[in-house]
Amino acid sequence: MTEWLISIEGTATGHTVALWLAIMAAFLHAVFGALQKGRHDPWLTRGAIDFAYCAMAAPFALFVVPWPEPHMWIIFLGAFLIHIVYKMLQAWAYTKGAYTVVYPVVRGTGPLFAVIGAYLIFEESFTLLQWMGVAVLLAGIFGLAIYNMIFLTAERDTLNAALAIAVLTGLFVALYTTYDAYGIRATADPFTFLAWFFMIDGLVMPFIAARRWWTMENAPALGPLMGRGVIGGLVAFMSFGAIMMATRLDKVGEAAVLRETSTVFAAIIGWVFLKETVGPRRVALMALIAAGAVIVEMGG
C-alpha cells in the first residue's frame, strides 16, 4: 500500500484518489464534530477520543511502521503544540454555541487561510475559476453561519463569544492543515507520520478531561463516554488520515477546500441527530457550498 501511494504522488491517479479522500474526510469530520458536540460535555468527549486513538496508534507507531527520521521529531513537536491549541479552542467553542453555528464558521475560516498557506509554503496556485469556486463555497459557509446566528434560538447569550472563538479556531485549522501537509511530506513513509502523530497527539487532552470529570457534580458514566471515545478515535483515524494522505498525493489547497464540504454533512447531522432546525434557505446555502467545491475541482 505504501509503495503504491508513493508511486501515484503528483499523477492523475493521485489526483483522483486525493479527491475521494478529501470528500471522505469531509463527511467523517462532520461526524467527528457531532460526536464531540453531542451527548457529553465536549471536553470529556475530546479526552475520551484522544485516549482511544493514542492507545490504538501506539502499537503501530512502536512496532509496525518505520521509525521517524531524526528531523521528524521537531516537526512532531510543532504539530503537537498546534493541535493542542486547536483542540482547546474547538472544545471551548462547542461549550459556547450550537453545533450548526460554530462548525460552519470554523470550517469557513480555515480553507481561505489554508489556500494562502499552500501558496506561500508549497508554491501552489489557483486558477481564476478556482478562486471563484472558493468565493462561492465561502459565501455558502458564512451565509449558513449568518442564517444560524439570526434564526437559531439556542445559546443566544453566548453567541458572540462562540463566533469569536470559532474564527480563531478556523485560523488554527488552516495552520495545522498546512503544517501537517509539510510534515507528512517530510518523511519517507506517510504512515510513519500518521501513527506517531496520533500517539503523540493523544497524550494531553485525556488528563484535562479526567480533571474536569473528577470535579463534576454529576459526572457521566465512564462506559458510554469511553464507548463514544473509541468510535470517535476510529473516525479520527479515517478522517485525519484521509485528508493528510490527500495533501501528500495532490495539492494542499484543493484538498483543504474540498474538505470544507463537511459543512453540508454537518448541517444534515445537526438536523437529523442533534434536532437543530434546517429549512429551505439553509438547504440552498448548503447547495452553494457543494457548488463551490465542484467549481474548485473542475477549475483545476
Protein backbone atom coordinates (compact mmCIF):
# COMPACT_ATOMS: atom_id res chain seq x y z
CA MET A 1 0.00 0.00 0.00
CA THR A 2 2.75 2.46 0.96
CA GLU A 3 4.73 1.85 -2.22
CA TRP A 4 1.61 2.28 -4.37
CA LEU A 5 0.62 5.53 -2.67
CA ILE A 6 4.11 6.95 -3.10
CA SER A 7 4.13 5.88 -6.75
CA ILE A 8 0.96 7.87 -7.59
CA GLU A 9 2.05 11.15 -5.95
CA GLY A 10 1.58 14.01 -8.39
CA THR A 11 -0.08 11.82 -11.04
CA ALA A 12 -3.60 11.85 -12.50
CA THR A 13 -4.39 8.77 -10.44
CA GLY A 14 -3.08 10.51 -7.34
CA HIS A 15 -5.31 13.49 -8.09
CA THR A 16 -8.40 11.26 -8.32
CA VAL A 17 -7.54 9.36 -5.15
CA ALA A 18 -6.89 12.66 -3.33
CA LEU A 19 -10.30 13.94 -4.45
CA TRP A 20 -12.16 11.00 -2.95
CA LEU A 21 -10.01 11.03 0.18
CA ALA A 22 -10.87 14.72 0.74
CA ILE A 23 -14.60 14.07 0.31
CA MET A 24 -14.43 11.10 2.68
CA ALA A 25 -12.56 13.27 5.17
CA ALA A 26 -15.29 15.93 4.86
CA PHE A 27 -18.06 13.50 5.80
CA LEU A 28 -16.09 11.91 8.62
CA HIS A 29 -15.01 15.28 10.01
CA ALA A 30 -18.66 16.31 10.30
CA VAL A 31 -19.38 13.04 12.13
CA PHE A 32 -16.42 13.72 14.42
CA GLY A 33 -17.68 17.22 15.22
CA ALA A 34 -21.15 15.90 16.03
CA LEU A 35 -19.65 13.27 18.35
CA GLN A 36 -17.78 15.96 20.24
CA LYS A 37 -20.74 18.34 20.46
CA GLY A 38 -23.35 15.64 21.10
CA ARG A 39 -24.38 13.80 24.23
CA HIS A 40 -21.49 14.53 26.62
CA ASP A 41 -19.52 17.59 27.67
CA PRO A 42 -17.23 18.46 24.67
CA TRP A 43 -14.13 18.46 26.87
CA LEU A 44 -14.87 14.97 28.18
CA THR A 45 -15.67 13.61 24.74
CA ARG A 46 -12.46 15.01 23.28
CA GLY A 47 -10.45 13.50 26.12
CA ALA A 48 -12.05 10.09 25.59
CA ILE A 49 -11.41 10.26 21.83
CA ASP A 50 -7.78 11.26 22.27
CA PHE A 51 -7.20 8.50 24.81
CA ALA A 52 -8.70 5.95 22.42
CA TYR A 53 -6.72 6.91 19.34
CA CYS A 54 -3.49 7.29 21.33
CA ALA A 55 -3.88 3.75 22.67
CA MET A 56 -4.79 2.36 19.25
CA ALA A 57 -1.94 4.14 17.44
CA ALA A 58 0.82 3.25 19.92
CA PRO A 59 1.38 -0.38 18.81
CA PHE A 60 1.57 0.69 15.15
CA ALA A 61 3.96 3.55 15.91
CA LEU A 62 6.25 1.46 18.09
CA PHE A 63 6.23 -1.90 16.33
CA VAL A 64 4.78 -1.71 12.80
CA VAL A 65 5.75 1.39 10.79
CA PRO A 66 9.35 2.50 10.22
CA TRP A 67 10.67 4.78 12.96
CA PRO A 68 10.73 8.52 12.17
CA GLU A 69 13.86 10.07 10.73
CA PRO A 70 15.79 12.35 13.16
CA HIS A 71 14.48 15.55 11.57
CA MET A 72 10.87 14.46 12.21
CA TRP A 73 10.99 14.95 15.98
CA ILE A 74 10.95 18.74 15.79
CA ILE A 75 8.12 18.50 13.25
CA PHE A 76 6.12 16.31 15.64
CA LEU A 77 6.71 18.83 18.43
CA GLY A 78 5.31 21.64 16.28
CA ALA A 79 2.28 19.57 15.28
CA PHE A 80 1.68 18.62 18.91
CA LEU A 81 1.61 22.25 20.07
CA ILE A 82 -0.58 23.46 17.20
CA HIS A 83 -3.15 20.70 17.68
CA ILE A 84 -3.33 21.22 21.44
CA VAL A 85 -4.29 24.87 20.95
CA TYR A 86 -6.75 23.90 18.19
CA LYS A 87 -8.48 21.28 20.36
CA MET A 88 -8.73 23.62 23.33
CA LEU A 89 -10.34 26.28 21.15
CA GLN A 90 -12.69 23.80 19.46
CA ALA A 91 -13.97 22.38 22.74
CA TRP A 92 -14.36 25.91 24.14
CA ALA A 93 -16.37 26.98 21.09
CA TYR A 94 -18.70 23.98 21.39
CA THR A 95 -19.43 24.87 25.02
CA LYS A 96 -20.49 28.37 23.93
CA GLY A 97 -22.51 27.85 20.75
CA ALA A 98 -24.75 25.49 18.80
CA TYR A 99 -23.06 22.97 16.53
CA THR A 100 -24.59 24.35 13.32
CA VAL A 101 -23.41 27.87 14.23
CA VAL A 102 -19.88 27.09 15.39
CA TYR A 103 -18.98 24.43 12.82
CA PRO A 104 -19.62 26.49 9.63
CA VAL A 105 -17.60 29.44 10.95
CA VAL A 106 -14.65 27.21 11.89
CA ARG A 107 -14.68 25.42 8.57
CA GLY A 108 -15.28 28.60 6.57
CA THR A 109 -12.31 30.44 8.04
CA GLY A 110 -9.95 27.51 7.58
CA PRO A 111 -9.80 26.91 3.81
CA LEU A 112 -9.10 30.51 2.80
CA PHE A 113 -6.03 30.71 5.01
CA ALA A 114 -5.01 27.17 4.06
CA VAL A 115 -5.02 28.15 0.38
CA ILE A 116 -2.85 31.17 1.20
CA GLY A 117 -0.51 28.98 3.26
CA ALA A 118 -0.25 26.44 0.43
CA TYR A 119 0.74 29.26 -1.93
CA LEU A 120 3.41 30.61 0.42
CA ILE A 121 4.87 27.27 1.52
CA PHE A 122 4.27 24.87 -1.37
CA GLU A 123 4.08 27.46 -4.20
CA GLU A 124 0.65 26.20 -5.23
CA SER A 125 -1.60 28.45 -7.27
CA PHE A 126 -5.30 28.52 -8.15
CA THR A 127 -6.84 29.44 -11.48
CA LEU A 128 -9.33 32.30 -11.68
CA LEU A 129 -12.16 29.78 -11.93
CA GLN A 130 -10.93 28.00 -8.81
CA TRP A 131 -10.83 31.28 -6.90
CA MET A 132 -14.42 31.85 -7.99
CA GLY A 133 -15.23 28.43 -6.58
CA VAL A 134 -13.57 29.33 -3.28
CA ALA A 135 -15.66 32.52 -3.16
CA VAL A 136 -18.87 30.57 -3.81
CA LEU A 137 -18.00 27.98 -1.17
CA LEU A 138 -17.13 30.62 1.43
CA ALA A 139 -20.31 32.56 0.62
CA GLY A 140 -22.33 29.43 1.34
CA ILE A 141 -20.47 28.62 4.54
CA PHE A 142 -20.63 32.10 6.03
CA GLY A 143 -24.17 32.57 4.74
CA LEU A 144 -25.12 29.44 6.65
CA ALA A 145 -23.44 30.78 9.77
CA ILE A 146 -25.19 34.16 9.48
CA TYR A 147 -28.54 32.48 8.93
CA ASN A 148 -27.97 30.40 12.05
CA MET A 149 -27.00 33.49 14.00
CA ILE A 150 -30.26 35.22 13.09
CA PHE A 151 -32.76 32.42 13.47
CA LEU A 152 -31.29 29.92 15.93
CA THR A 153 -32.70 30.47 19.41
CA ALA A 154 -30.45 28.15 21.43
CA GLU A 155 -27.44 29.56 23.34
CA ARG A 156 -28.08 33.15 22.23
CA ASP A 157 -26.43 34.64 25.33
CA THR A 158 -23.03 33.17 24.43
CA LEU A 159 -23.32 33.55 20.65
CA ASN A 160 -20.82 36.39 20.22
CA ALA A 161 -18.19 34.58 22.26
CA ALA A 162 -18.84 31.37 20.32
CA LEU A 163 -18.34 33.14 16.99
CA ALA A 164 -15.11 34.84 18.08
CA ILE A 165 -13.68 31.55 19.31
CA ALA A 166 -14.85 29.81 16.14
CA VAL A 167 -12.96 32.28 13.93
CA LEU A 168 -9.80 31.79 15.97
CA THR A 169 -10.28 28.03 15.76
CA GLY A 170 -10.58 28.32 11.98
CA LEU A 171 -7.20 30.04 11.84
CA PHE A 172 -5.68 27.09 13.65
CA VAL A 173 -7.42 24.71 11.25
CA ALA A 174 -5.56 26.43 8.41
CA LEU A 175 -2.32 26.34 10.38
CA TYR A 176 -2.46 22.63 11.18
CA THR A 177 -3.63 21.72 7.65
CA THR A 178 -0.62 23.43 6.10
CA TYR A 179 1.87 22.37 8.76
CA ASP A 180 0.76 18.73 8.80
CA ALA A 181 0.90 18.61 5.00
CA TYR A 182 4.53 19.68 5.32
CA GLY A 183 5.07 17.02 7.98
CA ILE A 184 3.62 14.09 6.05
CA ARG A 185 5.73 15.08 3.02
CA ALA A 186 8.89 15.27 5.14
CA THR A 187 9.05 11.53 5.91
CA ALA A 188 9.62 8.66 3.52
CA ASP A 189 6.66 6.62 4.78
CA PRO A 190 3.39 8.60 5.24
CA PHE A 191 2.08 6.00 7.70
CA THR A 192 5.02 6.75 9.98
CA PHE A 193 3.81 10.32 10.29
CA LEU A 194 0.19 9.28 10.89
CA ALA A 195 0.92 6.61 13.51
CA TRP A 196 3.34 8.74 15.51
CA PHE A 197 1.15 11.82 15.18
CA PHE A 198 -1.87 10.09 16.68
CA MET A 199 0.14 8.56 19.52
CA ILE A 200 1.76 11.89 20.47
CA ASP A 201 -1.35 14.00 19.84
CA GLY A 202 -3.45 11.97 22.28
CA LEU A 203 -1.25 12.49 25.32
CA VAL A 204 -2.67 15.71 26.84
CA MET A 205 -6.45 16.00 26.46
CA PRO A 206 -7.22 12.82 28.46
CA PHE A 207 -5.65 14.41 31.55
CA ILE A 208 -7.59 17.66 31.07
CA ALA A 209 -10.81 15.68 30.61
CA ALA A 210 -10.09 13.47 33.65
CA ARG A 211 -9.61 16.52 35.86
CA ARG A 212 -12.85 18.02 34.58
CA TRP A 213 -14.73 14.74 35.08
CA TRP A 214 -13.38 14.39 38.63
CA THR A 215 -14.65 17.86 39.68
CA MET A 216 -18.15 17.47 38.15
CA GLU A 217 -21.12 17.18 40.48
CA ASN A 218 -22.95 14.83 38.12
CA ALA A 219 -20.15 13.23 36.14
CA PRO A 220 -21.33 10.91 33.34
CA ALA A 221 -20.74 7.17 33.49
CA LEU A 222 -17.37 6.22 32.05
CA GLY A 223 -18.65 3.28 30.00
CA PRO A 224 -20.77 5.22 27.46
CA LEU A 225 -18.22 8.05 27.43
CA MET A 226 -15.34 5.73 26.57
CA GLY A 227 -17.51 3.93 24.01
CA ARG A 228 -18.02 7.26 22.27
CA GLY A 229 -14.28 7.81 22.55
CA VAL A 230 -13.48 4.57 20.73
CA ILE A 231 -15.93 5.41 17.93
CA GLY A 232 -14.50 8.93 17.71
CA GLY A 233 -10.96 7.56 17.64
CA LEU A 234 -11.73 5.33 14.68
CA VAL A 235 -13.44 8.23 12.88
CA ALA A 236 -10.42 10.45 13.61
CA PHE A 237 -8.04 7.89 12.11
CA MET A 238 -10.01 7.76 8.88
CA SER A 239 -10.84 11.48 8.68
CA PHE A 240 -7.45 12.97 9.52
CA GLY A 241 -5.59 10.15 7.80
CA ALA A 242 -7.60 10.68 4.62
CA ILE A 243 -7.04 14.43 4.41
CA MET A 244 -3.35 14.15 5.23
CA MET A 245 -2.86 11.49 2.58
CA ALA A 246 -4.75 13.70 0.12
CA THR A 247 -2.35 16.59 0.81
CA ARG A 248 0.59 14.32 0.10
CA LEU A 249 -0.83 12.94 -3.13
CA ASP A 250 -2.03 16.25 -4.59
CA LYS A 251 -2.39 19.97 -3.91
CA VAL A 252 -2.82 21.04 -0.29
CA GLY A 253 -5.11 23.95 -1.20
CA GLU A 254 -7.55 21.86 -3.22
CA ALA A 255 -7.77 19.20 -0.52
CA ALA A 256 -8.39 21.86 2.13
CA VAL A 257 -11.22 23.43 0.13
CA LEU A 258 -12.88 20.12 -0.75
CA ARG A 259 -12.82 19.05 2.89
CA GLU A 260 -15.00 22.02 3.77
CA THR A 261 -17.97 20.35 2.11
CA SER A 262 -18.09 18.86 5.61
CA THR A 263 -20.33 21.84 6.42
CA VAL A 264 -23.06 20.28 4.28
CA PHE A 265 -22.75 16.98 6.11
CA ALA A 266 -22.63 18.84 9.44
CA ALA A 267 -25.91 20.63 8.75
CA ILE A 268 -27.60 17.33 7.86
CA ILE A 269 -26.23 15.66 11.00
CA GLY A 270 -27.26 18.64 13.14
CA TRP A 271 -30.79 18.40 11.75
CA VAL A 272 -31.24 14.63 11.91
CA PHE A 273 -29.37 13.71 15.08
CA LEU A 274 -28.99 16.87 17.15
CA LYS A 275 -32.51 18.14 16.32
CA GLU A 276 -31.27 21.54 15.16
CA THR A 277 -33.56 23.35 12.71
CA VAL A 278 -32.94 23.10 8.94
CA GLY A 279 -35.14 24.93 6.40
CA PRO A 280 -35.17 25.65 2.64
CA ARG A 281 -32.81 28.62 2.94
CA ARG A 282 -30.22 26.51 4.69
CA VAL A 283 -30.63 23.78 2.10
CA ALA A 284 -29.94 26.39 -0.62
CA LEU A 285 -26.83 27.58 1.23
CA MET A 286 -25.60 24.01 1.56
CA ALA A 287 -26.08 23.59 -2.19
CA LEU A 288 -23.94 26.72 -2.67
CA ILE A 289 -21.16 25.15 -0.62
CA ALA A 290 -21.26 21.99 -2.69
CA ALA A 291 -21.30 24.03 -5.92
CA GLY A 292 -18.22 25.95 -4.81
CA ALA A 293 -16.33 22.73 -4.16
CA VAL A 294 -17.32 21.40 -7.60
CA ILE A 295 -16.10 24.61 -9.26
CA VAL A 296 -12.75 24.36 -7.48
CA GLU A 297 -12.31 20.78 -8.67
CA MET A 298 -13.40 21.47 -12.26
CA GLY A 299 -11.33 24.65 -12.43
CA GLY A 300 -8.16 22.72 -11.73
